[in-house]
């Protein structure tokens, strides 16, 4: 049974989304800083590097694209590669769609653009909460816009100091993002099925890491989803079998 949310106003939901996102900035901030510096070293102009973050707003895709720009590959290949890297957002969208389907386009379009890994984690948890707040999309908005502003600020800082950093990638600050992702994942591992799905995805990600255009990430994601769905189906089938067995036993007892 649903309850009334303690954060039921638009403003309260917005700031709750902001607060929930603050711990995840640990990984995003240095990642954006490195991108700003790396972008300049890859040959992008100051405006190009800043515009990249403002328009694309996808950390891993931006890093890959900056490297491709430095290599002099075609624009079409860069677009295709970043599209593949960001295919995971289709999974995020499919998860959130049942909760946001009622929203008008003026909400759906910007929320889709601002959706990041970090925002997905906190928003998915908020939508899973058992309450009847009609303003959860404001929570989504608070998290998303906070991540966007933070990313732009750190990118600009990286751009401004980038020329004084000869090899920004060597600093190792990108490891903070790995730690953040692990921290985001752990709270979702609530049962054996999820654990097995995570382990399967992780194992496949290591095995297919050498695939071009980061296709290994998508393959690993799909394997994890398949394992989770398969285990869920087996569990449901087992429950149906037990229920059928109990009904059969009860009917035999009634006949006797």
Protein backbone atom coordinates (compact mmCIF):
# COMPACT_ATOMS: atom_id res chain seq x y z
CA UNK A 1 0.00 0.00 0.00
CA UNK A 2 1.39 3.40 -0.99
CA UNK A 3 1.87 6.20 1.49
CA UNK A 4 2.07 9.96 1.22
CA UNK A 5 5.62 11.05 0.43
CA UNK A 6 7.35 13.24 3.03
CA UNK A 7 8.77 15.26 0.10
CA UNK A 8 5.56 15.83 -1.81
CA UNK A 9 6.06 19.40 -3.08
CA UNK A 10 7.84 20.32 -6.29
CA UNK A 11 10.53 22.30 -4.49
CA UNK A 12 11.11 19.59 -1.90
CA UNK A 13 11.45 16.93 -4.60
CA UNK A 14 13.85 19.11 -6.58
CA UNK A 15 16.22 19.71 -3.68
CA UNK A 16 15.97 16.09 -2.55
CA UNK A 17 17.21 15.10 -6.02
CA UNK A 18 20.09 17.56 -5.71
CA UNK A 19 21.10 16.24 -2.29
CA UNK A 20 20.95 12.61 -3.41
CA UNK A 21 23.32 13.39 -6.28
CA UNK A 22 26.00 15.21 -4.28
CA UNK A 23 27.95 12.05 -3.24
CA UNK A 24 28.19 10.98 -6.89
CA UNK A 25 30.05 14.14 -7.85
CA UNK A 26 33.24 12.57 -6.46
CA UNK A 27 33.67 10.66 -9.70
CA UNK A 28 32.12 13.14 -12.11
CA UNK A 29 34.14 16.21 -11.11
CA UNK A 30 37.68 14.93 -11.84
CA UNK A 31 36.38 13.14 -14.93
CA UNK A 32 35.08 16.42 -16.36
CA UNK A 33 38.28 18.20 -15.33
CA UNK A 34 40.40 15.68 -17.23
CA UNK A 35 38.15 15.90 -20.27
CA UNK A 36 38.50 19.67 -20.44
CA UNK A 37 42.27 19.39 -20.33
CA UNK A 38 42.40 16.40 -22.68
CA UNK A 39 40.14 18.08 -25.22
CA UNK A 40 42.56 20.96 -25.67
CA UNK A 41 45.47 18.56 -25.98
CA UNK A 42 43.50 16.67 -28.64
CA UNK A 43 43.31 19.74 -30.83
CA UNK A 44 39.89 21.12 -29.96
CA UNK A 45 39.51 24.85 -29.44
CA UNK A 46 38.43 26.29 -26.12
CA UNK A 47 34.93 26.89 -27.46
CA UNK A 48 34.86 23.42 -29.02
CA UNK A 49 35.83 21.69 -25.79
CA UNK A 50 33.30 23.62 -23.72
CA UNK A 51 30.62 23.18 -26.37
CA UNK A 52 31.29 19.44 -26.41
CA UNK A 53 30.26 19.15 -22.77
CA UNK A 54 27.32 21.52 -23.20
CA UNK A 55 25.84 19.75 -26.22
CA UNK A 56 26.92 16.12 -25.90
CA UNK A 57 27.01 15.79 -22.09
CA UNK A 58 28.17 12.17 -22.02
CA UNK A 59 31.47 11.60 -20.25
CA UNK A 60 32.73 8.35 -21.74
CA UNK A 61 31.53 9.27 -25.24
CA UNK A 62 33.25 12.65 -24.98
CA UNK A 63 36.57 11.05 -24.04
CA UNK A 64 36.38 8.61 -26.93
CA UNK A 65 35.31 11.32 -29.37
CA UNK A 66 38.16 13.60 -28.29
CA UNK A 67 40.63 10.80 -28.97
CA UNK A 68 39.09 10.18 -32.38
CA UNK A 69 39.29 13.88 -33.20
CA UNK A 70 42.98 13.81 -32.36
CA UNK A 71 43.39 10.80 -34.68
CA UNK A 72 41.75 12.69 -37.53
CA UNK A 73 38.95 10.19 -38.25
CA UNK A 74 35.77 11.18 -40.08
CA UNK A 75 32.81 12.88 -38.39
CA UNK A 76 30.51 10.01 -39.37
CA UNK A 77 32.72 7.46 -37.63
CA UNK A 78 32.86 9.62 -34.48
CA UNK A 79 29.06 9.90 -34.40
CA UNK A 80 28.64 6.13 -34.89
CA UNK A 81 31.14 5.32 -32.15
CA UNK A 82 29.57 7.66 -29.59
CA UNK A 83 26.14 6.29 -30.47
CA UNK A 84 27.30 2.75 -29.70
CA UNK A 85 28.92 3.81 -26.44
CA UNK A 86 25.72 5.53 -25.30
CA UNK A 87 23.36 2.67 -26.20
CA UNK A 88 23.17 1.83 -22.51
CA UNK A 89 20.94 4.87 -22.14
CA UNK A 90 18.28 2.95 -24.06
CA UNK A 91 18.21 0.51 -21.14
CA UNK A 92 17.95 3.40 -18.69
CA UNK A 93 15.12 4.92 -20.70
CA UNK A 94 13.23 1.63 -20.86
CA UNK A 95 13.49 1.33 -17.07
CA UNK A 96 12.21 4.85 -16.39
CA UNK A 97 9.61 4.98 -19.18
CA UNK A 98 6.72 3.49 -17.15
CA UNK A 99 7.21 6.23 -14.54
CA UNK A 100 7.55 9.14 -16.96
CA UNK A 101 5.10 8.18 -19.73
CA UNK A 102 2.49 10.61 -18.40
CA UNK A 103 4.79 13.63 -18.73
CA UNK A 104 4.43 16.06 -21.66
CA UNK A 105 7.17 16.46 -24.27
CA UNK A 106 8.42 19.67 -22.66
CA UNK A 107 9.51 17.49 -19.74
CA UNK A 108 10.52 14.29 -21.54
CA UNK A 109 12.92 15.89 -24.02
CA UNK A 110 15.16 17.77 -21.53
CA UNK A 111 15.06 14.93 -18.98
CA UNK A 112 16.16 12.48 -21.68
CA UNK A 113 19.02 14.80 -22.68
CA UNK A 114 20.17 15.29 -19.08
CA UNK A 115 19.96 11.60 -18.14
CA UNK A 116 23.31 10.28 -16.92
CA UNK A 117 24.47 7.15 -15.12
CA UNK A 118 24.53 8.96 -11.80
CA UNK A 119 21.10 10.52 -12.21
CA UNK A 120 19.63 7.20 -13.33
CA UNK A 121 20.78 5.53 -10.12
CA UNK A 122 19.21 8.06 -7.75
CA UNK A 123 16.07 8.55 -9.85
CA UNK A 124 15.41 4.82 -10.24
CA UNK A 125 15.59 4.50 -6.46
CA UNK A 126 13.18 7.41 -6.03
CA UNK A 127 10.64 5.97 -8.45
CA UNK A 128 10.91 2.62 -6.67
CA UNK A 129 9.87 4.25 -3.36
CA UNK A 130 6.40 3.19 -2.27
CA UNK A 131 4.66 6.54 -2.05
CA UNK A 132 2.16 8.47 -4.15
CA UNK A 133 4.08 11.71 -4.73
CA UNK A 134 2.96 13.24 -8.07
CA UNK A 135 6.15 15.31 -8.35
CA UNK A 136 8.89 12.70 -8.65
CA UNK A 137 9.87 14.14 -12.02
CA UNK A 138 11.01 17.23 -10.11
CA UNK A 139 13.37 14.95 -8.19
CA UNK A 140 14.62 13.76 -11.59
CA UNK A 141 15.01 17.37 -12.70
CA UNK A 142 16.94 18.35 -9.56
CA UNK A 143 19.43 15.53 -9.95
CA UNK A 144 19.83 16.01 -13.70
CA UNK A 145 20.33 19.76 -13.76
CA UNK A 146 22.76 19.59 -10.82
CA UNK A 147 24.88 17.01 -12.66
CA UNK A 148 24.77 19.12 -15.83
CA UNK A 149 25.90 22.33 -14.13
CA UNK A 150 28.63 20.47 -12.23
CA UNK A 151 29.91 18.88 -15.44
CA UNK A 152 30.05 22.21 -17.24
CA UNK A 153 31.87 23.93 -14.37
CA UNK A 154 34.58 21.28 -14.10
CA UNK A 155 34.96 21.06 -17.88
CA UNK A 156 35.58 24.82 -18.02
CA UNK A 157 38.15 24.52 -15.25
CA UNK A 158 39.87 21.73 -17.17
CA UNK A 159 39.83 23.83 -20.33
CA UNK A 160 41.33 26.82 -18.55
CA UNK A 161 44.17 24.86 -16.95
CA UNK A 162 44.52 22.32 -19.76
CA UNK A 163 47.37 24.06 -21.52
CA UNK A 164 49.50 23.79 -18.41
CA UNK A 165 48.88 20.03 -18.11
CA UNK A 166 50.95 18.21 -20.75
CA UNK A 167 49.46 14.74 -20.14
CA UNK A 168 46.23 14.98 -18.11
CA UNK A 169 45.36 11.32 -18.57
CA UNK A 170 48.49 10.32 -16.64
CA UNK A 171 47.15 11.86 -13.43
CA UNK A 172 44.95 8.83 -12.82
CA UNK A 173 42.00 10.91 -11.65
CA UNK A 174 39.70 8.93 -13.94
CA UNK A 175 39.93 6.08 -11.41
CA UNK A 176 37.55 8.10 -9.24
CA UNK A 177 34.82 7.42 -11.80
CA UNK A 178 35.38 3.67 -11.52
CA UNK A 179 35.03 3.84 -7.75
CA UNK A 180 31.88 5.94 -8.12
CA UNK A 181 30.33 3.42 -10.50
CA UNK A 182 31.04 0.58 -8.08
CA UNK A 183 29.44 2.62 -5.32
CA UNK A 184 26.37 3.21 -7.50
CA UNK A 185 26.05 -0.47 -8.34
CA UNK A 186 26.39 -2.05 -4.89
CA UNK A 187 23.07 -0.79 -3.40
CA UNK A 188 21.19 -2.42 -6.29
CA UNK A 189 22.61 -5.88 -5.57
CA UNK A 190 19.79 -6.94 -3.27
CA UNK A 191 19.41 -10.64 -4.08
CA UNK A 192 21.13 -13.62 -5.68
CA UNK A 193 19.61 -13.03 -9.13
CA UNK A 194 20.98 -9.51 -9.37
CA UNK A 195 24.37 -10.63 -8.06
CA UNK A 196 24.62 -13.35 -10.71
CA UNK A 197 23.56 -10.91 -13.43
CA UNK A 198 26.22 -8.41 -12.29
CA UNK A 199 28.93 -11.08 -12.16
CA UNK A 200 28.00 -12.35 -15.61
CA UNK A 201 28.08 -8.84 -17.08
CA UNK A 202 31.42 -8.14 -15.39
CA UNK A 203 32.99 -11.36 -16.64
CA UNK A 204 31.82 -10.75 -20.21
CA UNK A 205 33.03 -7.12 -20.08
CA UNK A 206 36.54 -8.36 -19.28
CA UNK A 207 36.47 -11.07 -21.96
CA UNK A 208 35.25 -8.81 -24.78
CA UNK A 209 37.12 -5.68 -23.73
CA UNK A 210 39.08 -5.76 -26.97
CA UNK A 211 36.06 -5.29 -29.23
CA UNK A 212 36.22 -2.10 -31.31
CA UNK A 213 34.20 1.03 -30.57
CA UNK A 214 33.58 -0.08 -26.98
CA UNK A 215 31.05 -2.64 -28.22
CA UNK A 216 32.11 -4.83 -25.32
CA UNK A 217 30.18 -2.59 -22.92
CA UNK A 218 26.93 -3.13 -24.79
CA UNK A 219 27.52 -6.87 -25.14
CA UNK A 220 28.19 -7.15 -21.40
CA UNK A 221 25.07 -5.12 -20.61
CA UNK A 222 22.90 -7.35 -22.78
CA UNK A 223 24.36 -10.49 -21.22
CA UNK A 224 23.65 -9.13 -17.74
CA UNK A 225 20.06 -8.34 -18.74
CA UNK A 226 19.62 -11.78 -20.32
CA UNK A 227 20.92 -13.55 -17.22
CA UNK A 228 18.63 -11.53 -14.96
CA UNK A 229 15.57 -12.13 -17.13
CA UNK A 230 16.42 -15.82 -17.44
CA UNK A 231 16.79 -16.27 -13.69
CA UNK A 232 13.56 -14.37 -13.10
CA UNK A 233 11.75 -16.64 -15.58
CA UNK A 234 13.15 -19.78 -13.93
CA UNK A 235 12.07 -18.52 -10.53
CA UNK A 236 8.57 -17.81 -11.80
CA UNK A 237 8.36 -21.20 -13.46
CA UNK A 238 9.47 -22.84 -10.21
CA UNK A 239 6.81 -20.94 -8.28
CA UNK A 240 4.13 -22.00 -10.78
CA UNK A 241 5.23 -25.63 -10.48
CA UNK A 242 5.04 -25.52 -6.69
CA UNK A 243 1.64 -23.84 -6.81
CA UNK A 244 0.35 -26.47 -9.25
CA UNK A 245 1.71 -29.23 -7.01
CA UNK A 246 -0.04 -27.76 -3.96
CA UNK A 247 -3.33 -27.51 -5.86
CA UNK A 248 -2.99 -31.14 -6.94
CA UNK A 249 -2.30 -32.26 -3.38
CA UNK A 250 -5.28 -30.28 -2.08
CA UNK A 251 -7.60 -31.80 -4.69
CA UNK A 252 -6.45 -35.32 -3.77
CA UNK A 253 -7.12 -34.60 -0.11
CA UNK A 254 -10.61 -33.31 -0.92
CA UNK A 255 -11.38 -36.41 -2.99
CA UNK A 256 -10.14 -38.63 -0.19
